[in-house]
Amino acid sequence: MNAIDQRLAGGFLIGRMAFHNAMFLPIISLLRPVSPLAWLPIGLLVFKAANSAAIWVIFISAIWPMIINTAVGVSRVPQDFMNVAKVLNLSEWKILTKILLPVTLPYILTAIRLSIGVA
């Protein structure tokens, strides 16, 4: 699983389950506004190399738009779609691939565009 897949999986998990949303929302709200320049000393301290620290700063700065936009997209799936999935007894994989992914694709593409801009 590459970095984009992991960020999207985090966004799907947060947007799909209220427990995860309640658990991770305070952490995201706390870490998101931190300036990328503030992450650099932490990266240098942890990784002891400039290249690894730079990659860390880019990653930590670009992760928030991906997670937030994906979670918002998943949470805005019409309840009728989820009710139909429940009536048809669809597996979680089918719900993900046939309902959630097509509906959230515009949010995901916007998240990718924002993350590339931040990076």
PDB file of N, CA and C in Angstrom:
ATOM      1  N   MET A   1       0.845  -1.170   0.000  1.00  0.00           N
ATOM      2  CA  MET A   1       0.000   0.000   0.000  1.00  0.00           C
ATOM      3  C   MET A   1       0.896   1.241   0.000  1.00  0.00           C
ATOM      4  N   ASN A   2       0.718   2.092  -0.981  1.00  0.00           N
ATOM      5  CA  ASN A   2       1.570   3.285  -1.005  1.00  0.00           C
ATOM      6  C   ASN A   2       0.956   4.388  -0.136  1.00  0.00           C
ATOM      7  N   ALA A   3       1.650   5.522  -0.096  1.00  0.00           N
ATOM      8  CA  ALA A   3       1.261   6.595   0.826  1.00  0.00           C
ATOM      9  C   ALA A   3      -0.136   7.142   0.526  1.00  0.00           C
ATOM     10  N   ILE A   4      -0.467   7.302  -0.756  1.00  0.00           N
ATOM     11  CA  ILE A   4      -1.787   7.840  -1.098  1.00  0.00           C
ATOM     12  C   ILE A   4      -2.876   6.862  -0.675  1.00  0.00           C
ATOM     13  N   ASP A   5      -2.646   5.565  -0.881  1.00  0.00           N
ATOM     14  CA  ASP A   5      -3.638   4.570  -0.464  1.00  0.00           C
ATOM     15  C   ASP A   5      -3.849   4.600   1.045  1.00  0.00           C
ATOM     16  N   GLN A   6      -2.775   4.769   1.809  1.00  0.00           N
ATOM     17  CA  GLN A   6      -2.905   4.806   3.261  1.00  0.00           C
ATOM     18  C   GLN A   6      -3.685   6.033   3.707  1.00  0.00           C
ATOM     19  N   ARG A   7      -3.426   7.168   3.068  1.00  0.00           N
ATOM     20  CA  ARG A   7      -4.162   8.378   3.437  1.00  0.00           C
ATOM     21  C   ARG A   7      -5.636   8.241   3.097  1.00  0.00           C
ATOM     22  N   LEU A   8      -5.921   7.650   1.927  1.00  0.00           N
ATOM     23  CA  LEU A   8      -7.315   7.457   1.547  1.00  0.00           C
ATOM     24  C   LEU A   8      -7.996   6.475   2.477  1.00  0.00           C
ATOM     25  N   ALA A   9      -7.289   5.414   2.865  1.00  0.00           N
ATOM     26  CA  ALA A   9      -7.875   4.441   3.789  1.00  0.00           C
ATOM     27  C   ALA A   9      -8.199   5.109   5.125  1.00  0.00           C
ATOM     28  N   GLY A  10      -7.318   5.978   5.583  1.00  0.00           N
ATOM     29  CA  GLY A  10      -7.597   6.709   6.820  1.00  0.00           C
ATOM     30  C   GLY A  10      -8.820   7.593   6.671  1.00  0.00           C
ATOM     31  N   GLY A  11      -8.938   8.260   5.541  1.00  0.00           N
ATOM     32  CA  GLY A  11     -10.102   9.108   5.298  1.00  0.00           C
ATOM     33  C   GLY A  11     -11.389   8.310   5.196  1.00  0.00           C
ATOM     34  N   PHE A  12     -11.342   7.145   4.526  1.00  0.00           N
ATOM     35  CA  PHE A  12     -12.525   6.299   4.436  1.00  0.00           C
ATOM     36  C   PHE A  12     -12.928   5.801   5.816  1.00  0.00           C
ATOM     37  N   LEU A  13     -11.957   5.425   6.620  1.00  0.00           N
ATOM     38  CA  LEU A  13     -12.250   4.911   7.955  1.00  0.00           C
ATOM     39  C   LEU A  13     -12.866   5.996   8.832  1.00  0.00           C
ATOM     40  N   ILE A  14     -12.305   7.193   8.787  1.00  0.00           N
ATOM     41  CA  ILE A  14     -12.821   8.293   9.601  1.00  0.00           C
ATOM     42  C   ILE A  14     -14.203   8.716   9.126  1.00  0.00           C
ATOM     43  N   GLY A  15     -14.411   8.765   7.810  1.00  0.00           N
ATOM     44  CA  GLY A  15     -15.708   9.184   7.291  1.00  0.00           C
ATOM     45  C   GLY A  15     -16.797   8.145   7.449  1.00  0.00           C
ATOM     46  N   ARG A  16     -16.428   6.870   7.502  1.00  0.00           N
ATOM     47  CA  ARG A  16     -17.412   5.789   7.533  1.00  0.00           C
ATOM     48  C   ARG A  16     -17.888   5.461   8.941  1.00  0.00           C
ATOM     49  N   MET A  17     -17.000   5.551   9.913  1.00  0.00           N
ATOM     50  CA  MET A  17     -17.349   5.106  11.265  1.00  0.00           C
ATOM     51  C   MET A  17     -17.289   6.267  12.240  1.00  0.00           C
ATOM     52  N   ALA A  18     -18.392   6.493  12.912  1.00  0.00           N
ATOM     53  CA  ALA A  18     -18.503   7.629  13.832  1.00  0.00           C
ATOM     54  C   ALA A  18     -17.509   7.534  14.985  1.00  0.00           C
ATOM     55  N   PHE A  19     -17.215   6.315  15.432  1.00  0.00           N
ATOM     56  CA  PHE A  19     -16.261   6.144  16.523  1.00  0.00           C
ATOM     57  C   PHE A  19     -14.878   6.640  16.117  1.00  0.00           C
ATOM     58  N   HIS A  20     -14.432   6.264  14.919  1.00  0.00           N
ATOM     59  CA  HIS A  20     -13.122   6.715  14.447  1.00  0.00           C
ATOM     60  C   HIS A  20     -13.116   8.222  14.200  1.00  0.00           C
ATOM     61  N   ASN A  21     -14.229   8.749  13.728  1.00  0.00           N
ATOM     62  CA  ASN A  21     -14.338  10.187  13.528  1.00  0.00           C
ATOM     63  C   ASN A  21     -14.175  10.919  14.853  1.00  0.00           C
ATOM     64  N   ALA A  22     -14.873  10.453  15.866  1.00  0.00           N
ATOM     65  CA  ALA A  22     -14.774  11.097  17.176  1.00  0.00           C
ATOM     66  C   ALA A  22     -13.393  10.922  17.792  1.00  0.00           C
ATOM     67  N   MET A  23     -12.732   9.822  17.488  1.00  0.00           N
ATOM     68  CA  MET A  23     -11.427   9.552  18.073  1.00  0.00           C
ATOM     69  C   MET A  23     -10.317  10.369  17.394  1.00  0.00           C
ATOM     70  N   PHE A  24     -10.356  10.479  16.058  1.00  0.00           N
ATOM     71  CA  PHE A  24      -9.265  11.125  15.344  1.00  0.00           C
ATOM     72  C   PHE A  24      -9.473  12.606  15.057  1.00  0.00           C
ATOM     73  N   LEU A  25     -10.696  13.092  15.112  1.00  0.00           N
ATOM     74  CA  LEU A  25     -10.959  14.493  14.818  1.00  0.00           C
ATOM     75  C   LEU A  25     -10.202  15.453  15.735  1.00  0.00           C
ATOM     76  N   PRO A  26     -10.134  15.219  17.046  1.00  0.00           N
ATOM     77  CA  PRO A  26      -9.343  16.136  17.884  1.00  0.00           C
ATOM     78  C   PRO A  26      -7.851  16.125  17.541  1.00  0.00           C
ATOM     79  N   ILE A  27      -7.319  14.954  17.192  1.00  0.00           N
ATOM     80  CA  ILE A  27      -5.905  14.857  16.833  1.00  0.00           C
ATOM     81  C   ILE A  27      -5.643  15.611  15.537  1.00  0.00           C
ATOM     82  N   ILE A  28      -6.509  15.436  14.566  1.00  0.00           N
ATOM     83  CA  ILE A  28      -6.354  16.127  13.279  1.00  0.00           C
ATOM     84  C   ILE A  28      -6.501  17.628  13.478  1.00  0.00           C
ATOM     85  N   SER A  29      -7.468  18.042  14.281  1.00  0.00           N
ATOM     86  CA  SER A  29      -7.660  19.472  14.532  1.00  0.00           C
ATOM     87  C   SER A  29      -6.473  20.097  15.246  1.00  0.00           C
ATOM     88  N   LEU A  30      -5.773  19.305  16.021  1.00  0.00           N
ATOM     89  CA  LEU A  30      -4.599  19.806  16.734  1.00  0.00           C
ATOM     90  C   LEU A  30      -3.368  19.873  15.829  1.00  0.00           C
ATOM     91  N   LEU A  31      -3.165  18.880  14.981  1.00  0.00           N
ATOM     92  CA  LEU A  31      -1.938  18.797  14.183  1.00  0.00           C
ATOM     93  C   LEU A  31      -2.019  19.513  12.835  1.00  0.00           C
ATOM     94  N   ARG A  32      -3.224  19.666  12.281  1.00  0.00           N
ATOM     95  CA  ARG A  32      -3.372  20.254  10.944  1.00  0.00           C
ATOM     96  C   ARG A  32      -2.847  21.677  10.839  1.00  0.00           C
ATOM     97  N   PRO A  33      -3.110  22.571  11.785  1.00  0.00           N
ATOM     98  CA  PRO A  33      -2.659  23.958  11.591  1.00  0.00           C
ATOM     99  C   PRO A  33      -1.173  24.193  11.848  1.00  0.00           C
ATOM    100  N   VAL A  34      -0.438  23.165  12.276  1.00  0.00           N
ATOM    101  CA  VAL A  34       0.988  23.345  12.542  1.00  0.00           C
ATOM    102  C   VAL A  34       1.717  23.628  11.231  1.00  0.00           C
ATOM    103  N   SER A  35       2.545  24.652  11.238  1.00  0.00           N
ATOM    104  CA  SER A  35       3.288  25.065  10.044  1.00  0.00           C
ATOM    105  C   SER A  35       4.283  23.988   9.622  1.00  0.00           C
ATOM    106  N   PRO A  36       4.467  23.815   8.309  1.00  0.00           N
ATOM    107  CA  PRO A  36       5.473  22.846   7.852  1.00  0.00           C
ATOM    108  C   PRO A  36       6.881  23.161   8.372  1.00  0.00           C
ATOM    109  N   LEU A  37       7.180  24.430   8.546  1.00  0.00           N
ATOM    110  CA  LEU A  37       8.496  24.779   9.079  1.00  0.00           C
ATOM    111  C   LEU A  37       8.669  24.325  10.524  1.00  0.00           C
ATOM    112  N   ALA A  38       7.584  24.188  11.252  1.00  0.00           N
ATOM    113  CA  ALA A  38       7.672  23.708  12.629  1.00  0.00           C
ATOM    114  C   ALA A  38       7.940  22.203  12.679  1.00  0.00           C
ATOM    115  N   TRP A  39       7.570  21.480  11.626  1.00  0.00           N
ATOM    116  CA  TRP A  39       7.821  20.047  11.588  1.00  0.00           C
ATOM    117  C   TRP A  39       9.280  19.725  11.261  1.00  0.00           C
ATOM    118  N   LEU A  40       9.988  20.656  10.630  1.00  0.00           N
ATOM    119  CA  LEU A  40      11.356  20.386  10.190  1.00  0.00           C
ATOM    120  C   LEU A  40      12.304  20.053  11.339  1.00  0.00           C
ATOM    121  N   PRO A  41      12.346  20.810  12.427  1.00  0.00           N
ATOM    122  CA  PRO A  41      13.248  20.414  13.527  1.00  0.00           C
ATOM    123  C   PRO A  41      12.903  19.053  14.126  1.00  0.00           C
ATOM    124  N   ILE A  42      11.618  18.745  14.182  1.00  0.00           N
ATOM    125  CA  ILE A  42      11.216  17.432  14.698  1.00  0.00           C
ATOM    126  C   ILE A  42      11.713  16.335  13.757  1.00  0.00           C
ATOM    127  N   GLY A  43      11.565  16.560  12.458  1.00  0.00           N
ATOM    128  CA  GLY A  43      12.060  15.596  11.475  1.00  0.00           C
ATOM    129  C   GLY A  43      13.563  15.421  11.540  1.00  0.00           C
ATOM    130  N   LEU A  44      14.290  16.529  11.709  1.00  0.00           N
ATOM    131  CA  LEU A  44      15.750  16.438  11.832  1.00  0.00           C
ATOM    132  C   LEU A  44      16.153  15.707  13.104  1.00  0.00           C
ATOM    133  N   LEU A  45      15.432  15.937  14.163  1.00  0.00           N
ATOM    134  CA  LEU A  45      15.734  15.266  15.427  1.00  0.00           C
ATOM    135  C   LEU A  45      15.479  13.761  15.337  1.00  0.00           C
ATOM    136  N   VAL A  46      14.390  13.390  14.716  1.00  0.00           N
ATOM    137  CA  VAL A  46      14.026  11.975  14.644  1.00  0.00           C
ATOM    138  C   VAL A  46      14.847  11.224  13.600  1.00  0.00           C
ATOM    139  N   PHE A  47      14.998  11.806  12.405  1.00  0.00           N
ATOM    140  CA  PHE A  47      15.614  11.077  11.298  1.00  0.00           C
ATOM    141  C   PHE A  47      17.112  11.303  11.149  1.00  0.00           C
ATOM    142  N   LYS A  48      17.649  12.352  11.727  1.00  0.00           N
ATOM    143  CA  LYS A  48      19.083  12.655  11.704  1.00  0.00           C
ATOM    144  C   LYS A  48      19.659  12.850  10.303  1.00  0.00           C
ATOM    145  N   ALA A  49      18.809  13.069   9.315  1.00  0.00           N
ATOM    146  CA  ALA A  49      19.268  13.306   7.947  1.00  0.00           C
ATOM    147  C   ALA A  49      18.332  14.320   7.295  1.00  0.00           C
ATOM    148  N   ALA A  50      18.901  15.191   6.495  1.00  0.00           N
ATOM    149  CA  ALA A  50      18.110  16.264   5.883  1.00  0.00           C
ATOM    150  C   ALA A  50      17.109  15.718   4.863  1.00  0.00           C
ATOM    151  N   ASN A  51      17.506  14.735   4.065  1.00  0.00           N
ATOM    152  CA  ASN A  51      16.593  14.208   3.048  1.00  0.00           C
ATOM    153  C   ASN A  51      15.382  13.530   3.684  1.00  0.00           C
ATOM    154  N   SER A  52      15.615  12.722   4.685  1.00  0.00           N
ATOM    155  CA  SER A  52      14.501  12.060   5.360  1.00  0.00           C
ATOM    156  C   SER A  52      13.605  13.069   6.068  1.00  0.00           C
ATOM    157  N   ALA A  53      14.210  14.080   6.656  1.00  0.00           N
ATOM    158  CA  ALA A  53      13.418  15.114   7.330  1.00  0.00           C
ATOM    159  C   ALA A  53      12.579  15.898   6.327  1.00  0.00           C
ATOM    160  N   ALA A  54      13.138  16.169   5.154  1.00  0.00           N
ATOM    161  CA  ALA A  54      12.381  16.888   4.118  1.00  0.00           C
ATOM    162  C   ALA A  54      11.199  16.061   3.637  1.00  0.00           C
ATOM    163  N   ILE A  55      11.429  14.775   3.442  1.00  0.00           N
ATOM    164  CA  ILE A  55      10.330  13.894   3.034  1.00  0.00           C
ATOM    165  C   ILE A  55       9.255  13.845   4.115  1.00  0.00           C
ATOM    166  N   TRP A  56       9.669  13.803   5.376  1.00  0.00           N
ATOM    167  CA  TRP A  56       8.731  13.813   6.502  1.00  0.00           C
ATOM    168  C   TRP A  56       7.874  15.075   6.494  1.00  0.00           C
ATOM    169  N   VAL A  57       8.512  16.216   6.279  1.00  0.00           N
ATOM    170  CA  VAL A  57       7.784  17.491   6.277  1.00  0.00           C
ATOM    171  C   VAL A  57       6.784  17.524   5.134  1.00  0.00           C
ATOM    172  N   ILE A  58       7.182  17.062   3.963  1.00  0.00           N
ATOM    173  CA  ILE A  58       6.267  17.036   2.822  1.00  0.00           C
ATOM    174  C   ILE A  58       5.095  16.104   3.108  1.00  0.00           C
ATOM    175  N   PHE A  59       5.386  14.941   3.663  1.00  0.00           N
ATOM    176  CA  PHE A  59       4.327  13.981   3.972  1.00  0.00           C
ATOM    177  C   PHE A  59       3.357  14.527   5.008  1.00  0.00           C
ATOM    178  N   ILE A  60       3.883  15.043   6.101  1.00  0.00           N
ATOM    179  CA  ILE A  60       3.018  15.491   7.195  1.00  0.00           C
ATOM    180  C   ILE A  60       2.211  16.733   6.794  1.00  0.00           C
ATOM    181  N   SER A  61       2.729  17.510   5.861  1.00  0.00           N
ATOM    182  CA  SER A  61       1.991  18.686   5.394  1.00  0.00           C
ATOM    183  C   SER A  61       0.902  18.314   4.384  1.00  0.00           C
ATOM    184  N   ALA A  62       1.161  17.272   3.597  1.00  0.00           N
ATOM    185  CA  ALA A  62       0.228  16.908   2.536  1.00  0.00           C
ATOM    186  C   ALA A  62      -0.810  15.878   2.970  1.00  0.00           C
ATOM    187  N   ILE A  63      -0.660  15.313   4.145  1.00  0.00           N
ATOM    188  CA  ILE A  63      -1.582  14.260   4.569  1.00  0.00           C
ATOM    189  C   ILE A  63      -2.956  14.808   4.965  1.00  0.00           C
ATOM    190  N   TRP A  64      -2.987  16.002   5.526  1.00  0.00           N
ATOM    191  CA  TRP A  64      -4.249  16.510   6.083  1.00  0.00           C
ATOM    192  C   TRP A  64      -5.313  16.770   5.042  1.00  0.00           C
ATOM    193  N   PRO A  65      -5.019  17.400   3.889  1.00  0.00           N
ATOM    194  CA  PRO A  65      -6.097  17.562   2.893  1.00  0.00           C
ATOM    195  C   PRO A  65      -6.642  16.226   2.386  1.00  0.00           C
ATOM    196  N   MET A  66      -5.768  15.222   2.268  1.00  0.00           N
ATOM    197  CA  MET A  66      -6.228  13.913   1.790  1.00  0.00           C
ATOM    198  C   MET A  66      -7.189  13.272   2.788  1.00  0.00           C
ATOM    199  N   ILE A  67      -6.807  13.270   4.046  1.00  0.00           N
ATOM    200  CA  ILE A  67      -7.651  12.625   5.055  1.00  0.00           C
ATOM    201  C   ILE A  67      -8.967  13.375   5.231  1.00  0.00           C
ATOM    202  N   ILE A  68      -8.895  14.690   5.341  1.00  0.00           N
ATOM    203  CA  ILE A  68     -10.092  15.482   5.611  1.00  0.00           C
ATOM    204  C   ILE A  68     -11.067  15.433   4.442  1.00  0.00           C
ATOM    205  N   ASN A  69     -10.587  15.646   3.212  1.00  0.00           N
ATOM    206  CA  ASN A  69     -11.496  15.641   2.063  1.00  0.00           C
ATOM    207  C   ASN A  69     -12.092  14.261   1.819  1.00  0.00           C
ATOM    208  N   THR A  70     -11.318  13.213   1.996  1.00  0.00           N
ATOM    209  CA  THR A  70     -11.864  11.870   1.818  1.00  0.00           C
ATOM    210  C   THR A  70     -12.913  11.577   2.876  1.00  0.00           C
ATOM    211  N   ALA A  71     -12.648  11.958   4.120  1.00  0.00           N
ATOM    212  CA  ALA A  71     -13.627  11.735   5.186  1.00  0.00           C
ATOM    213  C   ALA A  71     -14.913  12.522   4.937  1.00  0.00           C
ATOM    214  N   VAL A  72     -14.789  13.743   4.465  1.00  0.00           N
ATOM    215  CA  VAL A  72     -15.977  14.548   4.154  1.00  0.00           C
ATOM    216  C   VAL A  72     -16.759  13.909   3.011  1.00  0.00           C
ATOM    217  N   GLY A  73     -16.047  13.438   1.987  1.00  0.00           N
ATOM    218  CA  GLY A  73     -16.723  12.781   0.865  1.00  0.00           C
ATOM    219  C   GLY A  73     -17.477  11.536   1.295  1.00  0.00           C
ATOM    220  N   VAL A  74     -16.865  10.735   2.147  1.00  0.00           N
ATOM    221  CA  VAL A  74     -17.517   9.513   2.623  1.00  0.00           C
ATOM    222  C   VAL A  74     -18.718   9.860   3.506  1.00  0.00           C
ATOM    223  N   SER A  75     -18.581  10.881   4.322  1.00  0.00           N
ATOM    224  CA  SER A  75     -19.698  11.234   5.209  1.00  0.00           C
ATOM    225  C   SER A  75     -20.870  11.857   4.445  1.00  0.00           C
ATOM    226  N   ARG A  76     -20.629  12.341   3.240  1.00  0.00           N
ATOM    227  CA  ARG A  76     -21.704  12.959   2.449  1.00  0.00           C
ATOM    228  C   ARG A  76     -22.369  12.001   1.467  1.00  0.00           C
ATOM    229  N   VAL A  77     -22.064  10.715   1.576  1.00  0.00           N
ATOM    230  CA  VAL A  77     -22.752   9.729   0.744  1.00  0.00           C
ATOM    231  C   VAL A  77     -24.222   9.719   1.162  1.00  0.00           C
ATOM    232  N   PRO A  78     -25.150   9.823   0.212  1.00  0.00           N
ATOM    233  CA  PRO A  78     -26.568   9.837   0.584  1.00  0.00           C
ATOM    234  C   PRO A  78     -26.965   8.589   1.367  1.00  0.00           C
ATOM    235  N   GLN A  79     -27.764   8.796   2.379  1.00  0.00           N
ATOM    236  CA  GLN A  79     -28.188   7.689   3.233  1.00  0.00           C
ATOM    237  C   GLN A  79     -29.009   6.673   2.448  1.00  0.00           C
ATOM    238  N   ASP A  80     -29.680   7.104   1.400  1.00  0.00           N
ATOM    239  CA  ASP A  80     -30.439   6.167   0.568  1.00  0.00           C
ATOM    240  C   ASP A  80     -29.521   5.111  -0.039  1.00  0.00           C
ATOM    241  N   PHE A  81     -28.333   5.508  -0.461  1.00  0.00           N
ATOM    242  CA  PHE A  81     -27.380   4.555  -1.038  1.00  0.00           C
ATOM    243  C   PHE A  81     -26.997   3.501  -0.002  1.00  0.00           C
ATOM    244  N   MET A  82     -26.756   3.947   1.222  1.00  0.00           N
ATOM    245  CA  MET A  82     -26.362   3.013   2.279  1.00  0.00           C
ATOM    246  C   MET A  82     -27.530   2.107   2.676  1.00  0.00           C
ATOM    247  N   ASN A  83     -28.745   2.644   2.641  1.00  0.00           N
ATOM    248  CA  ASN A  83     -29.921   1.816   2.934  1.00  0.00           C
ATOM    249  C   ASN A  83     -30.107   0.728   1.886  1.00  0.00           C
ATOM    250  N   VAL A  84     -29.902   1.075   0.619  1.00  0.00           N
ATOM    251  CA  VAL A  84     -30.002   0.079  -0.452  1.00  0.00           C
ATOM    252  C   VAL A  84     -28.928  -0.986  -0.275  1.00  0.00           C
ATOM    253  N   ALA A  85     -27.722  -0.576   0.105  1.00  0.00           N
ATOM    254  CA  ALA A  85     -26.643  -1.546   0.337  1.00  0.00           C
ATOM    255  C   ALA A  85     -26.995  -2.484   1.481  1.00  0.00           C
ATOM    256  N   LYS A  86     -27.645  -1.953   2.516  1.00  0.00           N
ATOM    257  CA  LYS A  86     -28.045  -2.782   3.648  1.00  0.00           C
ATOM    258  C   LYS A  86     -29.134  -3.771   3.237  1.00  0.00           C
ATOM    259  N   VAL A  87     -30.097  -3.300   2.424  1.00  0.00           N
ATOM    260  CA  VAL A  87     -31.182  -4.170   1.966  1.00  0.00           C
ATOM    261  C   VAL A  87     -30.632  -5.279   1.063  1.00  0.00           C
ATOM    262  N   LEU A  88     -29.682  -4.935   0.207  1.00  0.00           N
ATOM    263  CA  LEU A  88     -29.081  -5.927  -0.689  1.00  0.00           C
ATOM    264  C   LEU A  88     -28.036  -6.790   0.009  1.00  0.00           C
ATOM    265  N   ASN A  89     -27.757  -6.492   1.281  1.00  0.00           N
ATOM    266  CA  ASN A  89     -26.801  -7.256   2.077  1.00  0.00           C
ATOM    267  C   ASN A  89     -25.418  -7.293   1.408  1.00  0.00           C
ATOM    268  N   LEU A  90     -24.964  -6.129   0.973  1.00  0.00           N
ATOM    269  CA  LEU A  90     -23.660  -6.035   0.320  1.00  0.00           C
ATOM    270  C   LEU A  90     -22.546  -6.135   1.345  1.00  0.00           C
ATOM    271  N   SER A  91     -21.455  -6.739   0.934  1.00  0.00           N
ATOM    272  CA  SER A  91     -20.286  -6.815   1.812  1.00  0.00           C
ATOM    273  C   SER A  91     -19.644  -5.428   1.900  1.00  0.00           C
ATOM    274  N   GLU A  92     -18.777  -5.275   2.886  1.00  0.00           N
ATOM    275  CA  GLU A  92     -18.103  -3.976   3.064  1.00  0.00           C
ATOM    276  C   GLU A  92     -17.242  -3.644   1.852  1.00  0.00           C
ATOM    277  N   TRP A  93     -16.648  -4.651   1.230  1.00  0.00           N
ATOM    278  CA  TRP A  93     -15.829  -4.428   0.030  1.00  0.00           C
ATOM    279  C   TRP A  93     -16.694  -3.917  -1.122  1.00  0.00           C
ATOM    280  N   LYS A  94     -17.875  -4.515  -1.303  1.00  0.00           N
ATOM    281  CA  LYS A  94     -18.793  -4.061  -2.364  1.00  0.00           C
ATOM    282  C   LYS A  94     -19.281  -2.642  -2.080  1.00  0.00           C
ATOM    283  N   ILE A  95     -19.568  -2.339  -0.826  1.00  0.00           N
ATOM    284  CA  ILE A  95     -19.986  -0.981  -0.467  1.00  0.00           C
ATOM    285  C   ILE A  95     -18.874   0.001  -0.800  1.00  0.00           C
ATOM    286  N   LEU A  96     -17.643  -0.379  -0.482  1.00  0.00           N
ATOM    287  CA  LEU A  96     -16.505   0.495  -0.753  1.00  0.00           C
ATOM    288  C   LEU A  96     -16.310   0.721  -2.242  1.00  0.00           C
ATOM    289  N   THR A  97     -16.329  -0.364  -3.028  1.00  0.00           N
ATOM    290  CA  THR A  97     -16.008  -0.234  -4.451  1.00  0.00           C
ATOM    291  C   THR A  97     -17.180   0.235  -5.305  1.00  0.00           C
ATOM    292  N   LYS A  98     -18.382  -0.110  -4.934  1.00  0.00           N
ATOM    293  CA  LYS A  98     -19.538   0.216  -5.779  1.00  0.00           C
ATOM    294  C   LYS A  98     -20.290   1.475  -5.356  1.00  0.00           C
ATOM    295  N   ILE A  99     -20.153   1.874  -4.089  1.00  0.00           N
ATOM    296  CA  ILE A  99     -20.902   3.035  -3.612  1.00  0.00           C
ATOM    297  C   ILE A  99     -19.965   4.162  -3.177  1.00  0.00           C
ATOM    298  N   LEU A 100     -19.109   3.860  -2.211  1.00  0.00           N
ATOM    299  CA  LEU A 100     -18.297   4.931  -1.610  1.00  0.00           C
ATOM    300  C   LEU A 100     -17.282   5.517  -2.576  1.00  0.00           C
ATOM    301  N   LEU A 101     -16.535   4.671  -3.264  1.00  0.00           N
ATOM    302  CA  LEU A 101     -15.491   5.182  -4.151  1.00  0.00           C
ATOM    303  C   LEU A 101     -16.045   6.043  -5.284  1.00  0.00           C
ATOM    304  N   PRO A 102     -17.089   5.606  -6.008  1.00  0.00           N
ATOM    305  CA  PRO A 102     -17.617   6.486  -7.065  1.00  0.00           C
ATOM    306  C   PRO A 102     -18.178   7.820  -6.550  1.00  0.00           C
ATOM    307  N   VAL A 103     -18.826   7.788  -5.384  1.00  0.00           N
ATOM    308  CA  VAL A 103     -19.419   9.016  -4.856  1.00  0.00           C
ATOM    309  C   VAL A 103     -18.339   9.968  -4.347  1.00  0.00           C
ATOM    310  N   THR A 104     -17.297   9.427  -3.745  1.00  0.00           N
ATOM    311  CA  THR A 104     -16.252  10.275  -3.155  1.00  0.00           C
ATOM    312  C   THR A 104     -15.135  10.624  -4.118  1.00  0.00           C
ATOM    313  N   LEU A 105     -15.168  10.137  -5.330  1.00  0.00           N
ATOM    314  CA  LEU A 105     -14.080  10.408  -6.282  1.00  0.00           C
ATOM    315  C   LEU A 105     -13.823  11.900  -6.505  1.00  0.00           C
ATOM    316  N   PRO A 106     -14.839  12.752  -6.650  1.00  0.00           N
ATOM    317  CA  PRO A 106     -14.539  14.190  -6.775  1.00  0.00           C
ATOM    318  C   PRO A 106     -13.822  14.763  -5.553  1.00  0.00           C
ATOM    319  N   TYR A 107     -14.194  14.302  -4.370  1.00  0.00           N
ATOM    320  CA  TYR A 107     -13.525  14.760  -3.153  1.00  0.00           C
ATOM    321  C   TYR A 107     -12.075  14.279  -3.119  1.00  0.00           C
ATOM    322  N   ILE A 108     -11.855  13.037  -3.556  1.00  0.00           N
ATOM    323  CA  ILE A 108     -10.502  12.488  -3.569  1.00  0.00           C
ATOM    324  C   ILE A 108      -9.627  13.234  -4.562  1.00  0.00           C
ATOM    325  N   LEU A 109     -10.153  13.525  -5.737  1.00  0.00           N
ATOM    326  CA  LEU A 109      -9.364  14.263  -6.739  1.00  0.00           C
ATOM    327  C   LEU A 109      -9.044  15.677  -6.256  1.00  0.00           C
ATOM    328  N   THR A 110      -9.985  16.305  -5.588  1.00  0.00           N
ATOM    329  CA  THR A 110      -9.711  17.619  -4.996  1.00  0.00           C
ATOM    330  C   THR A 110      -8.650  17.511  -3.918  1.00  0.00           C
ATOM    331  N   ALA A 111      -8.710  16.458  -3.128  1.00  0.00           N
ATOM    332  CA  ALA A 111      -7.708  16.246  -2.079  1.00  0.00           C
ATOM    333  C   ALA A 111      -6.322  16.042  -2.669  1.00  0.00           C
ATOM    334  N   ILE A 112      -6.242  15.290  -3.748  1.00  0.00           N
ATOM    335  CA  ILE A 112      -4.947  15.081  -4.393  1.00  0.00           C
ATOM    336  C   ILE A 112      -4.398  16.389  -4.927  1.00  0.00           C
ATOM    337  N   ARG A 113      -5.268  17.189  -5.549  1.00  0.00           N
ATOM    338  CA  ARG A 113      -4.828  18.488  -6.065  1.00  0.00           C
ATOM    339  C   ARG A 113      -4.341  19.387  -4.947  1.00  0.00           C
ATOM    340  N   LEU A 114      -5.051  19.427  -3.835  1.00  0.00           N
ATOM    341  CA  LEU A 114      -4.622  20.253  -2.689  1.00  0.00           C
ATOM    342  C   LEU A 114      -3.329  19.728  -2.077  1.00  0.00           C
ATOM    343  N   SER A 115      -3.200  18.417  -1.962  1.00  0.00           N
ATOM    344  CA  SER A 115      -1.983  17.850  -1.383  1.00  0.00           C
ATOM    345  C   SER A 115      -0.767  18.105  -2.250  1.00  0.00           C
ATOM    346  N   ILE A 116      -0.937  18.029  -3.549  1.00  0.00           N
ATOM    347  CA  ILE A 116       0.175  18.335  -4.446  1.00  0.00           C
ATOM    348  C   ILE A 116       0.552  19.811  -4.313  1.00  0.00           C
ATOM    349  N   GLY A 117      -0.426  20.666  -4.178  1.00  0.00           N
ATOM    350  CA  GLY A 117      -0.139  22.101  -3.995  1.00  0.00           C
ATOM    351  C   GLY A 117       0.605  22.375  -2.700  1.00  0.00           C
ATOM    352  N   VAL A 118       0.233  21.682  -1.646  1.00  0.00           N
ATOM    353  CA  VAL A 118       0.912  21.864  -0.365  1.00  0.00           C
ATOM    354  C   VAL A 118       2.323  21.295  -0.411  1.00  0.00           C
ATOM    355  N   ALA A 119       2.453  20.141  -1.053  1.00  0.00           N
ATOM    356  CA  ALA A 119       3.771  19.487  -1.124  1.00  0.00           C
ATOM    357  C   ALA A 119       4.718  20.295  -1.968  1.00  0.00           C
TER     358      ALA A 119
END
